[in-house]
Amino acid sequence: MKMKIFEVSSTDFLEDKRLINNALSDMASQFRMQNDFTFGEPVSRFGWTFFKLWIKPHLQDAIIQKFNDMIRKSKGANPDEKFTSFMSDYFQSKGCKTKIKMIEV
């Protein structure tokens, strides 16, 4: 499996990055993993900040295995869209006010 790359859009970059970092760290610790995700440099335009988020394949696999039923029920026409929708919902449940889209697979 290749690393998935997401573009995250935020109007409160520092807070949303902190919340995403905490959410992914908590999730990774459930699988006895750490540092299996990386943030890109932020770019600000029109009141929004955009940054890339890389989730490494080992963490992706663990998330898919643990949350497979929820991912399958998420919005999307294919598995990548469903995974993206699930991650977006997960981040929002942790207080993030972000938009997320997969830009590379």
N, C-alpha and C. Protein backbone atom coordinates (compact mmCIF):
# COMPACT_ATOMS: atom_id res chain seq x y z
N MET A 1 0.85 -1.18 0.00
CA MET A 1 0.00 0.00 0.00
C MET A 1 0.89 1.24 0.00
N LYS A 2 0.54 2.20 -0.83
CA LYS A 2 1.28 3.46 -0.90
C LYS A 2 0.79 4.41 0.17
N MET A 3 1.64 5.35 0.52
CA MET A 3 1.28 6.36 1.50
C MET A 3 0.22 7.28 0.92
N LYS A 4 -0.82 7.54 1.69
CA LYS A 4 -1.87 8.45 1.27
C LYS A 4 -1.47 9.87 1.67
N ILE A 5 -1.73 10.81 0.77
CA ILE A 5 -1.44 12.21 1.04
C ILE A 5 -2.75 12.98 0.99
N PHE A 6 -3.00 13.74 2.04
CA PHE A 6 -4.21 14.53 2.15
C PHE A 6 -3.86 16.00 2.15
N GLU A 7 -4.76 16.81 1.59
CA GLU A 7 -4.66 18.25 1.75
C GLU A 7 -5.71 18.65 2.78
N VAL A 8 -5.26 19.33 3.82
CA VAL A 8 -6.14 19.77 4.88
C VAL A 8 -6.30 21.28 4.75
N SER A 9 -7.54 21.75 4.84
CA SER A 9 -7.86 23.17 4.77
C SER A 9 -8.40 23.60 6.12
N SER A 10 -7.85 24.69 6.66
CA SER A 10 -8.21 25.11 8.01
C SER A 10 -8.30 26.63 8.08
N THR A 11 -9.20 27.13 8.92
CA THR A 11 -9.25 28.56 9.20
C THR A 11 -8.57 28.87 10.53
N ASP A 12 -8.15 27.84 11.27
CA ASP A 12 -7.43 28.00 12.55
C ASP A 12 -6.30 26.97 12.57
N PHE A 13 -5.27 27.24 11.78
CA PHE A 13 -4.20 26.27 11.53
C PHE A 13 -3.58 25.70 12.80
N LEU A 14 -3.12 26.56 13.71
CA LEU A 14 -2.40 26.05 14.88
C LEU A 14 -3.27 25.12 15.72
N GLU A 15 -4.52 25.53 15.95
CA GLU A 15 -5.41 24.70 16.76
C GLU A 15 -5.78 23.41 16.03
N ASP A 16 -6.12 23.50 14.75
CA ASP A 16 -6.50 22.29 14.01
C ASP A 16 -5.32 21.34 13.87
N LYS A 17 -4.12 21.86 13.64
CA LYS A 17 -2.94 20.99 13.55
C LYS A 17 -2.72 20.28 14.88
N ARG A 18 -2.87 21.02 15.99
CA ARG A 18 -2.72 20.41 17.32
C ARG A 18 -3.75 19.30 17.53
N LEU A 19 -5.00 19.57 17.17
CA LEU A 19 -6.06 18.58 17.35
C LEU A 19 -5.83 17.35 16.47
N ILE A 20 -5.42 17.55 15.22
CA ILE A 20 -5.14 16.42 14.32
C ILE A 20 -3.96 15.62 14.85
N ASN A 21 -2.91 16.32 15.29
CA ASN A 21 -1.74 15.64 15.84
C ASN A 21 -2.14 14.78 17.03
N ASN A 22 -2.94 15.35 17.95
CA ASN A 22 -3.38 14.59 19.12
C ASN A 22 -4.25 13.41 18.73
N ALA A 23 -5.17 13.63 17.78
CA ALA A 23 -6.08 12.55 17.34
C ALA A 23 -5.30 11.40 16.71
N LEU A 24 -4.35 11.73 15.81
CA LEU A 24 -3.57 10.67 15.16
C LEU A 24 -2.60 10.01 16.14
N SER A 25 -2.04 10.78 17.06
CA SER A 25 -1.14 10.20 18.07
C SER A 25 -1.90 9.22 18.95
N ASP A 26 -3.11 9.61 19.37
CA ASP A 26 -3.93 8.71 20.19
C ASP A 26 -4.27 7.45 19.42
N MET A 27 -4.65 7.61 18.15
CA MET A 27 -5.01 6.45 17.34
C MET A 27 -3.78 5.55 17.14
N ALA A 28 -2.64 6.14 16.82
CA ALA A 28 -1.42 5.36 16.59
C ALA A 28 -1.00 4.62 17.86
N SER A 29 -1.18 5.25 19.02
CA SER A 29 -0.78 4.59 20.26
C SER A 29 -1.64 3.35 20.54
N GLN A 30 -2.87 3.34 20.06
CA GLN A 30 -3.72 2.15 20.20
C GLN A 30 -3.10 0.96 19.47
N PHE A 31 -2.33 1.26 18.42
CA PHE A 31 -1.72 0.20 17.61
C PHE A 31 -0.23 0.05 17.93
N ARG A 32 0.20 0.69 19.03
CA ARG A 32 1.61 0.66 19.44
C ARG A 32 2.53 1.22 18.36
N MET A 33 2.09 2.29 17.75
CA MET A 33 2.88 2.98 16.71
C MET A 33 3.08 4.42 17.16
N GLN A 34 4.08 5.05 16.57
CA GLN A 34 4.26 6.48 16.80
C GLN A 34 4.94 7.10 15.60
N ASN A 35 4.69 8.38 15.42
CA ASN A 35 5.30 9.13 14.31
C ASN A 35 5.03 8.49 12.95
N ASP A 36 3.84 7.95 12.76
CA ASP A 36 3.48 7.34 11.48
C ASP A 36 2.65 8.29 10.62
N PHE A 37 2.84 9.58 10.86
CA PHE A 37 2.20 10.61 10.05
C PHE A 37 3.09 11.85 10.08
N THR A 38 2.95 12.68 9.05
CA THR A 38 3.80 13.86 8.91
C THR A 38 2.97 15.02 8.37
N PHE A 39 3.26 16.21 8.84
CA PHE A 39 2.61 17.42 8.35
C PHE A 39 3.53 18.15 7.39
N GLY A 40 2.94 18.72 6.33
CA GLY A 40 3.69 19.56 5.40
C GLY A 40 3.67 21.01 5.85
N GLU A 41 4.41 21.84 5.14
CA GLU A 41 4.46 23.27 5.44
C GLU A 41 3.12 23.93 5.09
N PRO A 42 2.63 24.81 5.95
CA PRO A 42 1.36 25.49 5.67
C PRO A 42 1.51 26.61 4.65
N VAL A 43 0.44 26.80 3.88
CA VAL A 43 0.35 27.91 2.93
C VAL A 43 -0.99 28.60 3.19
N SER A 44 -0.96 29.91 3.39
CA SER A 44 -2.20 30.64 3.69
C SER A 44 -2.67 31.44 2.49
N ARG A 45 -3.99 31.37 2.24
CA ARG A 45 -4.64 32.12 1.16
C ARG A 45 -6.09 32.38 1.53
N PHE A 46 -6.53 33.61 1.35
CA PHE A 46 -7.94 33.96 1.49
C PHE A 46 -8.53 33.55 2.84
N GLY A 47 -7.76 33.67 3.91
CA GLY A 47 -8.26 33.34 5.24
C GLY A 47 -8.20 31.86 5.58
N TRP A 48 -7.75 31.05 4.65
CA TRP A 48 -7.60 29.61 4.88
C TRP A 48 -6.12 29.26 4.91
N THR A 49 -5.78 28.23 5.65
CA THR A 49 -4.43 27.68 5.62
C THR A 49 -4.53 26.26 5.11
N PHE A 50 -3.68 25.93 4.15
CA PHE A 50 -3.66 24.60 3.53
C PHE A 50 -2.35 23.93 3.89
N PHE A 51 -2.43 22.66 4.24
CA PHE A 51 -1.21 21.91 4.50
C PHE A 51 -1.44 20.44 4.15
N LYS A 52 -0.35 19.77 3.86
CA LYS A 52 -0.44 18.35 3.52
C LYS A 52 -0.27 17.51 4.78
N LEU A 53 -0.92 16.36 4.75
CA LEU A 53 -0.82 15.38 5.83
C LEU A 53 -0.53 14.04 5.19
N TRP A 54 0.58 13.44 5.57
CA TRP A 54 0.95 12.11 5.08
C TRP A 54 0.65 11.11 6.19
N ILE A 55 -0.06 10.04 5.86
CA ILE A 55 -0.30 8.94 6.81
C ILE A 55 0.39 7.72 6.25
N LYS A 56 1.34 7.19 7.01
CA LYS A 56 2.16 6.07 6.53
C LYS A 56 1.33 4.79 6.41
N PRO A 57 1.73 3.90 5.49
CA PRO A 57 0.94 2.69 5.21
C PRO A 57 0.64 1.81 6.43
N HIS A 58 1.59 1.65 7.36
CA HIS A 58 1.33 0.80 8.53
C HIS A 58 0.17 1.34 9.36
N LEU A 59 0.13 2.66 9.55
CA LEU A 59 -0.96 3.26 10.31
C LEU A 59 -2.26 3.18 9.53
N GLN A 60 -2.21 3.41 8.22
CA GLN A 60 -3.41 3.28 7.39
C GLN A 60 -4.00 1.88 7.52
N ASP A 61 -3.14 0.87 7.39
CA ASP A 61 -3.61 -0.52 7.48
C ASP A 61 -4.27 -0.79 8.82
N ALA A 62 -3.65 -0.31 9.90
CA ALA A 62 -4.20 -0.54 11.23
C ALA A 62 -5.55 0.15 11.39
N ILE A 63 -5.67 1.38 10.88
CA ILE A 63 -6.94 2.11 10.95
C ILE A 63 -8.01 1.37 10.17
N ILE A 64 -7.67 0.93 8.96
CA ILE A 64 -8.64 0.22 8.12
C ILE A 64 -9.08 -1.08 8.79
N GLN A 65 -8.16 -1.82 9.37
CA GLN A 65 -8.53 -3.08 10.03
C GLN A 65 -9.44 -2.84 11.23
N LYS A 66 -9.09 -1.86 12.07
CA LYS A 66 -9.87 -1.62 13.29
C LYS A 66 -11.24 -1.01 13.00
N PHE A 67 -11.30 -0.11 12.03
CA PHE A 67 -12.53 0.65 11.78
C PHE A 67 -13.18 0.29 10.45
N ASN A 68 -12.94 -0.91 9.95
CA ASN A 68 -13.41 -1.31 8.62
C ASN A 68 -14.92 -1.12 8.45
N ASP A 69 -15.71 -1.53 9.43
CA ASP A 69 -17.17 -1.40 9.31
C ASP A 69 -17.58 0.07 9.18
N MET A 70 -16.98 0.94 9.99
CA MET A 70 -17.32 2.36 9.94
C MET A 70 -16.85 2.99 8.63
N ILE A 71 -15.68 2.59 8.16
CA ILE A 71 -15.16 3.13 6.90
C ILE A 71 -16.06 2.73 5.74
N ARG A 72 -16.49 1.47 5.71
CA ARG A 72 -17.36 1.01 4.62
C ARG A 72 -18.68 1.77 4.59
N LYS A 73 -19.15 2.24 5.75
CA LYS A 73 -20.42 2.98 5.82
C LYS A 73 -20.24 4.47 5.53
N SER A 74 -19.00 4.93 5.42
CA SER A 74 -18.73 6.35 5.16
C SER A 74 -19.10 6.71 3.73
N LYS A 75 -19.27 8.02 3.50
CA LYS A 75 -19.59 8.51 2.15
C LYS A 75 -18.42 8.25 1.22
N GLY A 76 -18.74 8.01 -0.04
CA GLY A 76 -17.70 7.86 -1.04
C GLY A 76 -18.02 6.76 -2.02
N ALA A 77 -17.49 6.92 -3.23
CA ALA A 77 -17.76 5.96 -4.30
C ALA A 77 -16.73 4.84 -4.34
N ASN A 78 -15.58 5.03 -3.67
CA ASN A 78 -14.54 4.01 -3.69
C ASN A 78 -13.84 3.98 -2.33
N PRO A 79 -13.01 2.99 -2.07
CA PRO A 79 -12.37 2.86 -0.75
C PRO A 79 -11.56 4.09 -0.33
N ASP A 80 -10.86 4.75 -1.26
CA ASP A 80 -10.08 5.94 -0.89
C ASP A 80 -10.99 7.08 -0.43
N GLU A 81 -12.10 7.28 -1.13
CA GLU A 81 -13.05 8.33 -0.74
C GLU A 81 -13.67 8.00 0.61
N LYS A 82 -13.99 6.74 0.84
CA LYS A 82 -14.57 6.33 2.12
C LYS A 82 -13.58 6.53 3.26
N PHE A 83 -12.30 6.20 3.04
CA PHE A 83 -11.26 6.40 4.06
C PHE A 83 -11.11 7.89 4.36
N THR A 84 -11.11 8.72 3.32
CA THR A 84 -10.99 10.17 3.50
C THR A 84 -12.17 10.71 4.29
N SER A 85 -13.37 10.27 3.95
CA SER A 85 -14.57 10.71 4.65
C SER A 85 -14.53 10.28 6.12
N PHE A 86 -14.09 9.05 6.37
CA PHE A 86 -13.97 8.56 7.74
C PHE A 86 -12.98 9.42 8.53
N MET A 87 -11.81 9.70 7.95
CA MET A 87 -10.80 10.49 8.65
C MET A 87 -11.30 11.90 8.91
N SER A 88 -12.01 12.49 7.95
CA SER A 88 -12.58 13.82 8.12
C SER A 88 -13.57 13.82 9.29
N ASP A 89 -14.45 12.84 9.32
CA ASP A 89 -15.42 12.72 10.42
C ASP A 89 -14.71 12.51 11.76
N TYR A 90 -13.65 11.69 11.75
CA TYR A 90 -12.89 11.42 12.98
C TYR A 90 -12.26 12.71 13.50
N PHE A 91 -11.63 13.48 12.61
CA PHE A 91 -11.01 14.73 13.04
C PHE A 91 -12.06 15.71 13.57
N GLN A 92 -13.21 15.78 12.90
CA GLN A 92 -14.27 16.67 13.36
C GLN A 92 -14.79 16.24 14.73
N SER A 93 -14.84 14.94 14.98
CA SER A 93 -15.29 14.45 16.29
C SER A 93 -14.32 14.84 17.40
N LYS A 94 -13.09 15.17 17.02
CA LYS A 94 -12.07 15.59 17.99
C LYS A 94 -11.98 17.11 18.09
N GLY A 95 -12.91 17.82 17.42
CA GLY A 95 -12.97 19.27 17.54
C GLY A 95 -12.39 20.05 16.38
N CYS A 96 -11.87 19.37 15.36
CA CYS A 96 -11.29 20.07 14.20
C CYS A 96 -12.40 20.65 13.33
N LYS A 97 -12.11 21.83 12.81
CA LYS A 97 -13.04 22.45 11.86
C LYS A 97 -12.31 22.54 10.53
N THR A 98 -12.01 21.39 9.96
CA THR A 98 -11.20 21.33 8.74
C THR A 98 -11.97 20.68 7.61
N LYS A 99 -11.45 20.90 6.42
CA LYS A 99 -11.88 20.14 5.24
C LYS A 99 -10.67 19.31 4.84
N ILE A 100 -10.91 18.09 4.38
CA ILE A 100 -9.80 17.22 4.02
C ILE A 100 -10.12 16.53 2.70
N LYS A 101 -9.11 16.44 1.85
CA LYS A 101 -9.29 15.70 0.60
C LYS A 101 -7.99 14.96 0.30
N MET A 102 -8.15 13.80 -0.33
CA MET A 102 -6.98 13.03 -0.73
C MET A 102 -6.48 13.62 -2.04
N ILE A 103 -5.18 13.92 -2.09
CA ILE A 103 -4.64 14.50 -3.32
C ILE A 103 -3.73 13.54 -4.06
N GLU A 104 -3.19 12.53 -3.38
CA GLU A 104 -2.36 11.52 -4.03
C GLU A 104 -2.55 10.20 -3.30
N VAL A 105 -2.41 9.13 -4.07
CA VAL A 105 -2.51 7.79 -3.48
C VAL A 105 -1.24 7.06 -3.80
